[in-house]
PDB file of N, CA and C in Angstrom:
ATOM      1  N   MET A   1    -111.075  28.639  -6.439  1.00  0.00           N
ATOM      2  CA  MET A   1    -110.071  28.140  -7.366  1.00  0.00           C
ATOM      3  C   MET A   1    -110.340  26.670  -7.637  1.00  0.00           C
ATOM      4  N   ASN A   2    -110.327  26.304  -8.873  1.00  0.00           N
ATOM      5  CA  ASN A   2    -110.529  24.913  -9.255  1.00  0.00           C
ATOM      6  C   ASN A   2    -109.162  24.251  -9.398  1.00  0.00           C
ATOM      7  N   VAL A   3    -108.746  23.563  -8.344  1.00  0.00           N
ATOM      8  CA  VAL A   3    -107.413  22.951  -8.297  1.00  0.00           C
ATOM      9  C   VAL A   3    -107.217  21.967  -9.443  1.00  0.00           C
ATOM     10  N   GLU A   4    -108.195  21.097  -9.654  1.00  0.00           N
ATOM     11  CA  GLU A   4    -108.058  20.081 -10.694  1.00  0.00           C
ATOM     12  C   GLU A   4    -107.907  20.713 -12.081  1.00  0.00           C
ATOM     13  N   HIS A   5    -108.649  21.787 -12.316  1.00  0.00           N
ATOM     14  CA  HIS A   5    -108.541  22.492 -13.595  1.00  0.00           C
ATOM     15  C   HIS A   5    -107.108  22.972 -13.818  1.00  0.00           C
ATOM     16  N   TRP A   6    -106.546  23.630 -12.810  1.00  0.00           N
ATOM     17  CA  TRP A   6    -105.202  24.184 -12.967  1.00  0.00           C
ATOM     18  C   TRP A   6    -104.150  23.087 -13.029  1.00  0.00           C
ATOM     19  N   GLN A   7    -104.329  22.013 -12.269  1.00  0.00           N
ATOM     20  CA  GLN A   7    -103.384  20.902 -12.365  1.00  0.00           C
ATOM     21  C   GLN A   7    -103.392  20.317 -13.781  1.00  0.00           C
ATOM     22  N   GLU A   8    -104.566  20.161 -14.346  1.00  0.00           N
ATOM     23  CA  GLU A   8    -104.668  19.640 -15.712  1.00  0.00           C
ATOM     24  C   GLU A   8    -104.025  20.595 -16.710  1.00  0.00           C
ATOM     25  N   GLN A   9    -104.290  21.891 -16.568  1.00  0.00           N
ATOM     26  CA  GLN A   9    -103.693  22.881 -17.466  1.00  0.00           C
ATOM     27  C   GLN A   9    -102.165  22.847 -17.384  1.00  0.00           C
ATOM     28  N   LEU A  10    -101.644  22.785 -16.175  1.00  0.00           N
ATOM     29  CA  LEU A  10    -100.197  22.785 -15.981  1.00  0.00           C
ATOM     30  C   LEU A  10     -99.570  21.473 -16.439  1.00  0.00           C
ATOM     31  N   ARG A  11    -100.268  20.362 -16.230  1.00  0.00           N
ATOM     32  CA  ARG A  11     -99.791  19.056 -16.707  1.00  0.00           C
ATOM     33  C   ARG A  11     -99.681  19.073 -18.227  1.00  0.00           C
ATOM     34  N   THR A  12    -100.717  19.571 -18.887  1.00  0.00           N
ATOM     35  CA  THR A  12    -100.717  19.645 -20.350  1.00  0.00           C
ATOM     36  C   THR A  12     -99.613  20.573 -20.844  1.00  0.00           C
ATOM     37  N   PHE A  13     -99.453  21.701 -20.179  1.00  0.00           N
ATOM     38  CA  PHE A  13     -98.389  22.649 -20.534  1.00  0.00           C
ATOM     39  C   PHE A  13     -97.022  21.954 -20.473  1.00  0.00           C
ATOM     40  N   ALA A  14     -96.785  21.217 -19.392  1.00  0.00           N
ATOM     41  CA  ALA A  14     -95.507  20.509 -19.235  1.00  0.00           C
ATOM     42  C   ALA A  14     -95.357  19.402 -20.280  1.00  0.00           C
ATOM     43  N   GLU A  15     -96.424  18.664 -20.529  1.00  0.00           N
ATOM     44  CA  GLU A  15     -96.372  17.584 -21.526  1.00  0.00           C
ATOM     45  C   GLU A  15     -96.084  18.132 -22.916  1.00  0.00           C
ATOM     46  N   ASP A  16     -96.718  19.225 -23.261  1.00  0.00           N
ATOM     47  CA  ASP A  16     -96.540  19.818 -24.595  1.00  0.00           C
ATOM     48  C   ASP A  16     -95.118  20.301 -24.829  1.00  0.00           C
ATOM     49  N   ARG A  17     -94.380  20.525 -23.791  1.00  0.00           N
ATOM     50  CA  ARG A  17     -93.009  21.033 -23.903  1.00  0.00           C
ATOM     51  C   ARG A  17     -91.967  19.981 -23.519  1.00  0.00           C
ATOM     52  N   ASP A  18     -92.429  18.750 -23.275  1.00  0.00           N
ATOM     53  CA  ASP A  18     -91.560  17.644 -22.852  1.00  0.00           C
ATOM     54  C   ASP A  18     -90.804  17.981 -21.562  1.00  0.00           C
ATOM     55  N   TRP A  19     -91.497  18.659 -20.654  1.00  0.00           N
ATOM     56  CA  TRP A  19     -90.899  19.027 -19.370  1.00  0.00           C
ATOM     57  C   TRP A  19     -91.217  18.039 -18.259  1.00  0.00           C
ATOM     58  N   VAL A  20     -92.122  17.099 -18.508  1.00  0.00           N
ATOM     59  CA  VAL A  20     -92.519  16.160 -17.457  1.00  0.00           C
ATOM     60  C   VAL A  20     -91.296  15.431 -16.905  1.00  0.00           C
ATOM     61  N   GLN A  21     -90.339  15.142 -17.774  1.00  0.00           N
ATOM     62  CA  GLN A  21     -89.117  14.463 -17.340  1.00  0.00           C
ATOM     63  C   GLN A  21     -88.371  15.253 -16.262  1.00  0.00           C
ATOM     64  N   PHE A  22     -88.545  16.557 -16.244  1.00  0.00           N
ATOM     65  CA  PHE A  22     -87.867  17.407 -15.263  1.00  0.00           C
ATOM     66  C   PHE A  22     -88.723  17.671 -14.026  1.00  0.00           C
ATOM     67  N   HIS A  23     -89.996  17.349 -14.106  1.00  0.00           N
ATOM     68  CA  HIS A  23     -90.916  17.641 -13.003  1.00  0.00           C
ATOM     69  C   HIS A  23     -90.972  16.495 -12.007  1.00  0.00           C
ATOM     70  N   THR A  24     -89.796  16.161 -11.484  1.00  0.00           N
ATOM     71  CA  THR A  24     -89.716  15.173 -10.411  1.00  0.00           C
ATOM     72  C   THR A  24     -90.052  15.880  -9.100  1.00  0.00           C
ATOM     73  N   PRO A  25     -90.486  15.141  -8.098  1.00  0.00           N
ATOM     74  CA  PRO A  25     -90.760  15.804  -6.811  1.00  0.00           C
ATOM     75  C   PRO A  25     -89.571  16.622  -6.314  1.00  0.00           C
ATOM     76  N   LYS A  26     -88.364  16.085  -6.416  1.00  0.00           N
ATOM     77  CA  LYS A  26     -87.169  16.804  -5.959  1.00  0.00           C
ATOM     78  C   LYS A  26     -87.014  18.133  -6.695  1.00  0.00           C
ATOM     79  N   ASN A  27     -87.111  18.106  -8.008  1.00  0.00           N
ATOM     80  CA  ASN A  27     -86.941  19.327  -8.787  1.00  0.00           C
ATOM     81  C   ASN A  27     -88.051  20.336  -8.518  1.00  0.00           C
ATOM     82  N   LEU A  28     -89.272  19.857  -8.375  1.00  0.00           N
ATOM     83  CA  LEU A  28     -90.386  20.767  -8.111  1.00  0.00           C
ATOM     84  C   LEU A  28     -90.265  21.402  -6.731  1.00  0.00           C
ATOM     85  N   VAL A  29     -89.822  20.644  -5.741  1.00  0.00           N
ATOM     86  CA  VAL A  29     -89.624  21.219  -4.402  1.00  0.00           C
ATOM     87  C   VAL A  29     -88.507  22.250  -4.434  1.00  0.00           C
ATOM     88  N   MET A  30     -87.446  21.962  -5.154  1.00  0.00           N
ATOM     89  CA  MET A  30     -86.357  22.942  -5.256  1.00  0.00           C
ATOM     90  C   MET A  30     -86.838  24.206  -5.964  1.00  0.00           C
ATOM     91  N   ALA A  31     -87.592  24.064  -7.040  1.00  0.00           N
ATOM     92  CA  ALA A  31     -88.118  25.226  -7.760  1.00  0.00           C
ATOM     93  C   ALA A  31     -89.067  26.025  -6.871  1.00  0.00           C
ATOM     94  N   LEU A  32     -89.874  25.328  -6.097  1.00  0.00           N
ATOM     95  CA  LEU A  32     -90.792  25.986  -5.161  1.00  0.00           C
ATOM     96  C   LEU A  32     -90.008  26.802  -4.135  1.00  0.00           C
ATOM     97  N   SER A  33     -88.923  26.249  -3.647  1.00  0.00           N
ATOM     98  CA  SER A  33     -88.081  26.961  -2.687  1.00  0.00           C
ATOM     99  C   SER A  33     -87.456  28.212  -3.314  1.00  0.00           C
ATOM    100  N   VAL A  34     -87.002  28.088  -4.533  1.00  0.00           N
ATOM    101  CA  VAL A  34     -86.394  29.230  -5.226  1.00  0.00           C
ATOM    102  C   VAL A  34     -87.420  30.346  -5.408  1.00  0.00           C
ATOM    103  N   GLU A  35     -88.618  29.991  -5.859  1.00  0.00           N
ATOM    104  CA  GLU A  35     -89.645  31.009  -6.065  1.00  0.00           C
ATOM    105  C   GLU A  35     -90.061  31.661  -4.748  1.00  0.00           C
ATOM    106  N   SER A  36     -90.134  30.868  -3.684  1.00  0.00           N
ATOM    107  CA  SER A  36     -90.442  31.426  -2.360  1.00  0.00           C
ATOM    108  C   SER A  36     -89.351  32.398  -1.922  1.00  0.00           C
ATOM    109  N   SER A  37     -88.116  32.059  -2.214  1.00  0.00           N
ATOM    110  CA  SER A  37     -87.003  32.948  -1.883  1.00  0.00           C
ATOM    111  C   SER A  37     -87.065  34.237  -2.696  1.00  0.00           C
ATOM    112  N   GLU A  38     -87.498  34.154  -3.940  1.00  0.00           N
ATOM    113  CA  GLU A  38     -87.633  35.356  -4.757  1.00  0.00           C
ATOM    114  C   GLU A  38     -88.721  36.270  -4.202  1.00  0.00           C
ATOM    115  N   LEU A  39     -89.792  35.690  -3.668  1.00  0.00           N
ATOM    116  CA  LEU A  39     -90.825  36.491  -3.010  1.00  0.00           C
ATOM    117  C   LEU A  39     -90.261  37.106  -1.732  1.00  0.00           C
ATOM    118  N   LEU A  40     -89.530  36.319  -0.982  1.00  0.00           N
ATOM    119  CA  LEU A  40     -88.906  36.809   0.248  1.00  0.00           C
ATOM    120  C   LEU A  40     -87.980  37.993  -0.035  1.00  0.00           C
ATOM    121  N   GLU A  41     -87.242  37.908  -1.134  1.00  0.00           N
ATOM    122  CA  GLU A  41     -86.312  38.984  -1.482  1.00  0.00           C
ATOM    123  C   GLU A  41     -87.030  40.319  -1.659  1.00  0.00           C
ATOM    124  N   ILE A  42     -88.224  40.293  -2.213  1.00  0.00           N
ATOM    125  CA  ILE A  42     -88.986  41.534  -2.408  1.00  0.00           C
ATOM    126  C   ILE A  42     -89.295  42.192  -1.062  1.00  0.00           C
ATOM    127  N   PHE A  43     -89.562  41.385  -0.051  1.00  0.00           N
ATOM    128  CA  PHE A  43     -89.956  41.888   1.268  1.00  0.00           C
ATOM    129  C   PHE A  43     -88.770  42.097   2.215  1.00  0.00           C
ATOM    130  N   GLN A  44     -87.602  41.643   1.826  1.00  0.00           N
ATOM    131  CA  GLN A  44     -86.457  41.525   2.729  1.00  0.00           C
ATOM    132  C   GLN A  44     -86.191  42.745   3.604  1.00  0.00           C
ATOM    133  N   TRP A  45     -86.127  43.905   3.060  1.00  0.00           N
ATOM    134  CA  TRP A  45     -85.734  45.075   3.845  1.00  0.00           C
ATOM    135  C   TRP A  45     -86.884  46.047   4.094  1.00  0.00           C
ATOM    136  N   LEU A  46     -88.084  45.611   3.864  1.00  0.00           N
ATOM    137  CA  LEU A  46     -89.232  46.487   4.098  1.00  0.00           C
ATOM    138  C   LEU A  46     -89.567  46.565   5.580  1.00  0.00           C
ATOM    139  N   THR A  47     -90.094  47.682   5.971  1.00  0.00           N
ATOM    140  CA  THR A  47     -90.642  47.785   7.316  1.00  0.00           C
ATOM    141  C   THR A  47     -91.984  47.043   7.340  1.00  0.00           C
ATOM    142  N   PRO A  48     -92.490  46.714   8.520  1.00  0.00           N
ATOM    143  CA  PRO A  48     -93.825  46.094   8.570  1.00  0.00           C
ATOM    144  C   PRO A  48     -94.881  46.953   7.870  1.00  0.00           C
ATOM    145  N   GLU A  49     -94.782  48.249   8.023  1.00  0.00           N
ATOM    146  CA  GLU A  49     -95.746  49.151   7.396  1.00  0.00           C
ATOM    147  C   GLU A  49     -95.632  49.113   5.873  1.00  0.00           C
ATOM    148  N   GLU A  50     -94.395  49.130   5.364  1.00  0.00           N
ATOM    149  CA  GLU A  50     -94.187  49.061   3.915  1.00  0.00           C
ATOM    150  C   GLU A  50     -94.716  47.736   3.355  1.00  0.00           C
ATOM    151  N   SER A  51     -94.528  46.666   4.103  1.00  0.00           N
ATOM    152  CA  SER A  51     -95.005  45.365   3.623  1.00  0.00           C
ATOM    153  C   SER A  51     -96.528  45.324   3.531  1.00  0.00           C
ATOM    154  N   GLN A  52     -97.195  46.045   4.413  1.00  0.00           N
ATOM    155  CA  GLN A  52     -98.661  46.108   4.378  1.00  0.00           C
ATOM    156  C   GLN A  52     -99.168  46.854   3.149  1.00  0.00           C
ATOM    157  N   GLN A  53     -98.364  47.763   2.626  1.00  0.00           N
ATOM    158  CA  GLN A  53     -98.764  48.614   1.504  1.00  0.00           C
ATOM    159  C   GLN A  53     -98.200  48.149   0.156  1.00  0.00           C
ATOM    160  N   ILE A  54     -97.527  47.020   0.117  1.00  0.00           N
ATOM    161  CA  ILE A  54     -96.754  46.634  -1.071  1.00  0.00           C
ATOM    162  C   ILE A  54     -97.583  46.512  -2.348  1.00  0.00           C
ATOM    163  N   MET A  55     -98.831  46.105  -2.229  1.00  0.00           N
ATOM    164  CA  MET A  55     -99.653  45.915  -3.428  1.00  0.00           C
ATOM    165  C   MET A  55    -100.153  47.236  -4.004  1.00  0.00           C
ATOM    166  N   GLU A  56     -99.818  48.337  -3.344  1.00  0.00           N
ATOM    167  CA  GLU A  56    -100.194  49.663  -3.840  1.00  0.00           C
ATOM    168  C   GLU A  56     -99.041  50.359  -4.549  1.00  0.00           C
ATOM    169  N   GLY A  57     -97.897  49.692  -4.638  1.00  0.00           N
ATOM    170  CA  GLY A  57     -96.723  50.343  -5.206  1.00  0.00           C
ATOM    171  C   GLY A  57     -96.146  49.589  -6.390  1.00  0.00           C
ATOM    172  N   PRO A  58     -94.945  50.003  -6.785  1.00  0.00           N
ATOM    173  CA  PRO A  58     -94.312  49.436  -7.982  1.00  0.00           C
ATOM    174  C   PRO A  58     -93.909  47.966  -7.851  1.00  0.00           C
ATOM    175  N   ARG A  59     -93.856  47.445  -6.642  1.00  0.00           N
ATOM    176  CA  ARG A  59     -93.462  46.046  -6.445  1.00  0.00           C
ATOM    177  C   ARG A  59     -94.644  45.079  -6.555  1.00  0.00           C
ATOM    178  N   ALA A  60     -95.835  45.599  -6.739  1.00  0.00           N
ATOM    179  CA  ALA A  60     -97.040  44.749  -6.774  1.00  0.00           C
ATOM    180  C   ALA A  60     -96.955  43.680  -7.863  1.00  0.00           C
ATOM    181  N   LYS A  61     -96.490  44.032  -9.056  1.00  0.00           N
ATOM    182  CA  LYS A  61     -96.390  43.059 -10.142  1.00  0.00           C
ATOM    183  C   LYS A  61     -95.408  41.958  -9.789  1.00  0.00           C
ATOM    184  N   GLY A  62     -94.289  42.319  -9.197  1.00  0.00           N
ATOM    185  CA  GLY A  62     -93.308  41.316  -8.788  1.00  0.00           C
ATOM    186  C   GLY A  62     -93.877  40.357  -7.761  1.00  0.00           C
ATOM    187  N   VAL A  63     -94.605  40.893  -6.788  1.00  0.00           N
ATOM    188  CA  VAL A  63     -95.242  40.049  -5.774  1.00  0.00           C
ATOM    189  C   VAL A  63     -96.240  39.110  -6.440  1.00  0.00           C
ATOM    190  N   SER A  64     -97.075  39.649  -7.306  1.00  0.00           N
ATOM    191  CA  SER A  64     -98.079  38.835  -7.994  1.00  0.00           C
ATOM    192  C   SER A  64     -97.428  37.730  -8.815  1.00  0.00           C
ATOM    193  N   ASP A  65     -96.376  38.062  -9.536  1.00  0.00           N
ATOM    194  CA  ASP A  65     -95.693  37.070 -10.356  1.00  0.00           C
ATOM    195  C   ASP A  65     -95.086  35.954  -9.501  1.00  0.00           C
ATOM    196  N   GLU A  66     -94.453  36.324  -8.401  1.00  0.00           N
ATOM    197  CA  GLU A  66     -93.829  35.307  -7.549  1.00  0.00           C
ATOM    198  C   GLU A  66     -94.882  34.434  -6.867  1.00  0.00           C
ATOM    199  N   VAL A  67     -95.982  35.033  -6.435  1.00  0.00           N
ATOM    200  CA  VAL A  67     -97.067  34.251  -5.838  1.00  0.00           C
ATOM    201  C   VAL A  67     -97.604  33.253  -6.866  1.00  0.00           C
ATOM    202  N   ALA A  68     -97.772  33.704  -8.104  1.00  0.00           N
ATOM    203  CA  ALA A  68     -98.239  32.806  -9.164  1.00  0.00           C
ATOM    204  C   ALA A  68     -97.240  31.681  -9.401  1.00  0.00           C
ATOM    205  N   ASP A  69     -95.951  32.002  -9.456  1.00  0.00           N
ATOM    206  CA  ASP A  69     -94.932  30.968  -9.653  1.00  0.00           C
ATOM    207  C   ASP A  69     -94.965  29.933  -8.527  1.00  0.00           C
ATOM    208  N   ILE A  70     -95.104  30.409  -7.296  1.00  0.00           N
ATOM    209  CA  ILE A  70     -95.168  29.509  -6.141  1.00  0.00           C
ATOM    210  C   ILE A  70     -96.359  28.575  -6.270  1.00  0.00           C
ATOM    211  N   MET A  71     -97.506  29.131  -6.606  1.00  0.00           N
ATOM    212  CA  MET A  71     -98.714  28.320  -6.722  1.00  0.00           C
ATOM    213  C   MET A  71     -98.603  27.325  -7.870  1.00  0.00           C
ATOM    214  N   ILE A  72     -98.023  27.745  -8.974  1.00  0.00           N
ATOM    215  CA  ILE A  72     -97.843  26.850 -10.119  1.00  0.00           C
ATOM    216  C   ILE A  72     -96.987  25.657  -9.727  1.00  0.00           C
ATOM    217  N   TYR A  73     -95.858  25.906  -9.085  1.00  0.00           N
ATOM    218  CA  TYR A  73     -95.001  24.791  -8.677  1.00  0.00           C
ATOM    219  C   TYR A  73     -95.668  23.923  -7.617  1.00  0.00           C
ATOM    220  N   LEU A  74     -96.412  24.532  -6.711  1.00  0.00           N
ATOM    221  CA  LEU A  74     -97.116  23.746  -5.691  1.00  0.00           C
ATOM    222  C   LEU A  74     -98.182  22.861  -6.338  1.00  0.00           C
ATOM    223  N   LEU A  75     -98.915  23.405  -7.288  1.00  0.00           N
ATOM    224  CA  LEU A  75     -99.926  22.609  -7.987  1.00  0.00           C
ATOM    225  C   LEU A  75     -99.291  21.479  -8.788  1.00  0.00           C
ATOM    226  N   ARG A  76     -98.173  21.741  -9.438  1.00  0.00           N
ATOM    227  CA  ARG A  76     -97.481  20.664 -10.167  1.00  0.00           C
ATOM    228  C   ARG A  76     -97.002  19.588  -9.200  1.00  0.00           C
ATOM    229  N   LEU A  77     -96.433  20.009  -8.073  1.00  0.00           N
ATOM    230  CA  LEU A  77     -95.938  19.050  -7.083  1.00  0.00           C
ATOM    231  C   LEU A  77     -97.069  18.164  -6.564  1.00  0.00           C
ATOM    232  N   THR A  78     -98.184  18.772  -6.197  1.00  0.00           N
ATOM    233  CA  THR A  78     -99.294  17.978  -5.671  1.00  0.00           C
ATOM    234  C   THR A  78     -99.863  17.054  -6.741  1.00  0.00           C
ATOM    235  N   ASP A  79     -99.862  17.490  -7.982  1.00  0.00           N
ATOM    236  CA  ASP A  79    -100.327  16.638  -9.073  1.00  0.00           C
ATOM    237  C   ASP A  79     -99.390  15.449  -9.253  1.00  0.00           C
ATOM    238  N   VAL A  80     -98.099  15.709  -9.309  1.00  0.00           N
ATOM    239  CA  VAL A  80     -97.109  14.643  -9.504  1.00  0.00           C
ATOM    240  C   VAL A  80     -97.148  13.637  -8.352  1.00  0.00           C
ATOM    241  N   LEU A  81     -97.320  14.144  -7.128  1.00  0.00           N
ATOM    242  CA  LEU A  81     -97.347  13.263  -5.951  1.00  0.00           C
ATOM    243  C   LEU A  81     -98.713  12.639  -5.689  1.00  0.00           C
ATOM    244  N   GLY A  82     -99.741  13.124  -6.358  1.00  0.00           N
ATOM    245  CA  GLY A  82    -101.081  12.609  -6.120  1.00  0.00           C
ATOM    246  C   GLY A  82    -101.683  13.064  -4.805  1.00  0.00           C
ATOM    247  N   VAL A  83    -101.303  14.251  -4.362  1.00  0.00           N
ATOM    248  CA  VAL A  83    -101.822  14.812  -3.110  1.00  0.00           C
ATOM    249  C   VAL A  83    -103.177  15.472  -3.382  1.00  0.00           C
ATOM    250  N   ASP A  84    -104.175  15.100  -2.602  1.00  0.00           N
ATOM    251  CA  ASP A  84    -105.502  15.713  -2.702  1.00  0.00           C
ATOM    252  C   ASP A  84    -105.498  16.954  -1.810  1.00  0.00           C
ATOM    253  N   LEU A  85    -105.332  18.116  -2.434  1.00  0.00           N
ATOM    254  CA  LEU A  85    -105.200  19.363  -1.675  1.00  0.00           C
ATOM    255  C   LEU A  85    -106.400  19.640  -0.781  1.00  0.00           C
ATOM    256  N   ASP A  86    -107.602  19.419  -1.274  1.00  0.00           N
ATOM    257  CA  ASP A  86    -108.791  19.666  -0.451  1.00  0.00           C
ATOM    258  C   ASP A  86    -108.733  18.858   0.843  1.00  0.00           C
ATOM    259  N   SER A  87    -108.399  17.592   0.730  1.00  0.00           N
ATOM    260  CA  SER A  87    -108.363  16.712   1.913  1.00  0.00           C
ATOM    261  C   SER A  87    -107.249  17.093   2.888  1.00  0.00           C
ATOM    262  N   VAL A  88    -106.054  17.335   2.358  1.00  0.00           N
ATOM    263  CA  VAL A  88    -104.944  17.619   3.274  1.00  0.00           C
ATOM    264  C   VAL A  88    -105.093  18.984   3.927  1.00  0.00           C
ATOM    265  N   ILE A  89    -105.660  19.955   3.212  1.00  0.00           N
ATOM    266  CA  ILE A  89    -105.886  21.265   3.823  1.00  0.00           C
ATOM    267  C   ILE A  89    -106.959  21.159   4.901  1.00  0.00           C
ATOM    268  N   ALA A  90    -108.044  20.470   4.610  1.00  0.00           N
ATOM    269  CA  ALA A  90    -109.110  20.306   5.607  1.00  0.00           C
ATOM    270  C   ALA A  90    -108.588  19.601   6.851  1.00  0.00           C
ATOM    271  N   ALA A  91    -107.778  18.572   6.666  1.00  0.00           N
ATOM    272  CA  ALA A  91    -107.230  17.839   7.808  1.00  0.00           C
ATOM    273  C   ALA A  91    -106.283  18.717   8.626  1.00  0.00           C
ATOM    274  N   LYS A  92    -105.458  19.484   7.953  1.00  0.00           N
ATOM    275  CA  LYS A  92    -104.502  20.350   8.648  1.00  0.00           C
ATOM    276  C   LYS A  92    -105.210  21.464   9.404  1.00  0.00           C
ATOM    277  N   VAL A  93    -106.218  22.071   8.796  1.00  0.00           N
ATOM    278  CA  VAL A  93    -106.981  23.129   9.474  1.00  0.00           C
ATOM    279  C   VAL A  93    -107.665  22.557  10.715  1.00  0.00           C
ATOM    280  N   ALA A  94    -108.210  21.356  10.609  1.00  0.00           N
ATOM    281  CA  ALA A  94    -108.857  20.717  11.762  1.00  0.00           C
ATOM    282  C   ALA A  94    -107.845  20.448  12.873  1.00  0.00           C
ATOM    283  N   ARG A  95    -106.663  19.947  12.514  1.00  0.00           N
ATOM    284  CA  ARG A  95    -105.614  19.712  13.528  1.00  0.00           C
ATOM    285  C   ARG A  95    -105.185  21.022  14.178  1.00  0.00           C
ATOM    286  N   ASN A  96    -105.011  22.059  13.367  1.00  0.00           N
ATOM    287  CA  ASN A  96    -104.618  23.357  13.922  1.00  0.00           C
ATOM    288  C   ASN A  96    -105.691  23.924  14.843  1.00  0.00           C
ATOM    289  N   ALA A  97    -106.939  23.724  14.491  1.00  0.00           N
ATOM    290  CA  ALA A  97    -108.038  24.221  15.341  1.00  0.00           C
ATOM    291  C   ALA A  97    -108.016  23.559  16.720  1.00  0.00           C
ATOM    292  N   SER A  98    -107.665  22.289  16.758  1.00  0.00           N
ATOM    293  CA  SER A  98    -107.615  21.613  18.063  1.00  0.00           C
ATOM    294  C   SER A  98    -106.318  21.967  18.811  1.00  0.00           C
ATOM    295  N   ARG A  99    -105.254  22.224  18.101  1.00  0.00           N
ATOM    296  CA  ARG A  99    -103.982  22.590  18.741  1.00  0.00           C
ATOM    297  C   ARG A  99    -103.968  24.026  19.239  1.00  0.00           C
ATOM    298  N   PHE A 100    -104.665  24.904  18.525  1.00  0.00           N
ATOM    299  CA  PHE A 100    -104.638  26.322  18.825  1.00  0.00           C
ATOM    300  C   PHE A 100    -106.067  26.844  19.002  1.00  0.00           C
ATOM    301  N   PRO A 101    -106.625  26.682  20.184  1.00  0.00           N
ATOM    302  CA  PRO A 101    -108.011  27.128  20.400  1.00  0.00           C
ATOM    303  C   PRO A 101    -108.124  28.656  20.300  1.00  0.00           C
ATOM    304  N   PRO A 102    -109.334  29.143  20.013  1.00  0.00           N
ATOM    305  CA  PRO A 102    -109.534  30.592  19.916  1.00  0.00           C
ATOM    306  C   PRO A 102    -109.158  31.293  21.224  1.00  0.00           C
ATOM    307  N   VAL A 103    -108.740  32.510  21.080  1.00  0.00           N
ATOM    308  CA  VAL A 103    -108.351  33.324  22.240  1.00  0.00           C
ATOM    309  C   VAL A 103    -109.577  34.125  22.689  1.00  0.00           C
ATOM    310  N   ASP A 104    -109.808  34.136  23.979  1.00  0.00           N
ATOM    311  CA  ASP A 104    -110.880  34.982  24.524  1.00  0.00           C
ATOM    312  C   ASP A 104    -110.391  36.417  24.547  1.00  0.00           C
ATOM    313  N   VAL A 105    -111.120  37.286  23.893  1.00  0.00           N
ATOM    314  CA  VAL A 105    -110.710  38.693  23.818  1.00  0.00           C
ATOM    315  C   VAL A 105    -111.666  39.544  24.618  1.00  0.00           C
TER     316      VAL A 105
END
């Protein structure tokens, strides 16, 4: 995935509609939370087995749409805040690797 490409596309989309005024960090975080909750709602009463099979059934489109919405808001948020996703993800994965060593199986 080309993060910069999508951030630019989403920035232009927002600019073309005069939405930048609404894309404050606070509003984007709230929208991200709402979209995450909408994804959660799809899974709310599923069994673990049903959740494993969800992309094979009628709820697959809903899951895909909510995942896309979440990613769109996350990309807008990181763009607005100037967060370098590659750097912060690499740093977090490295910290997690040292905090949680592999399990001997």
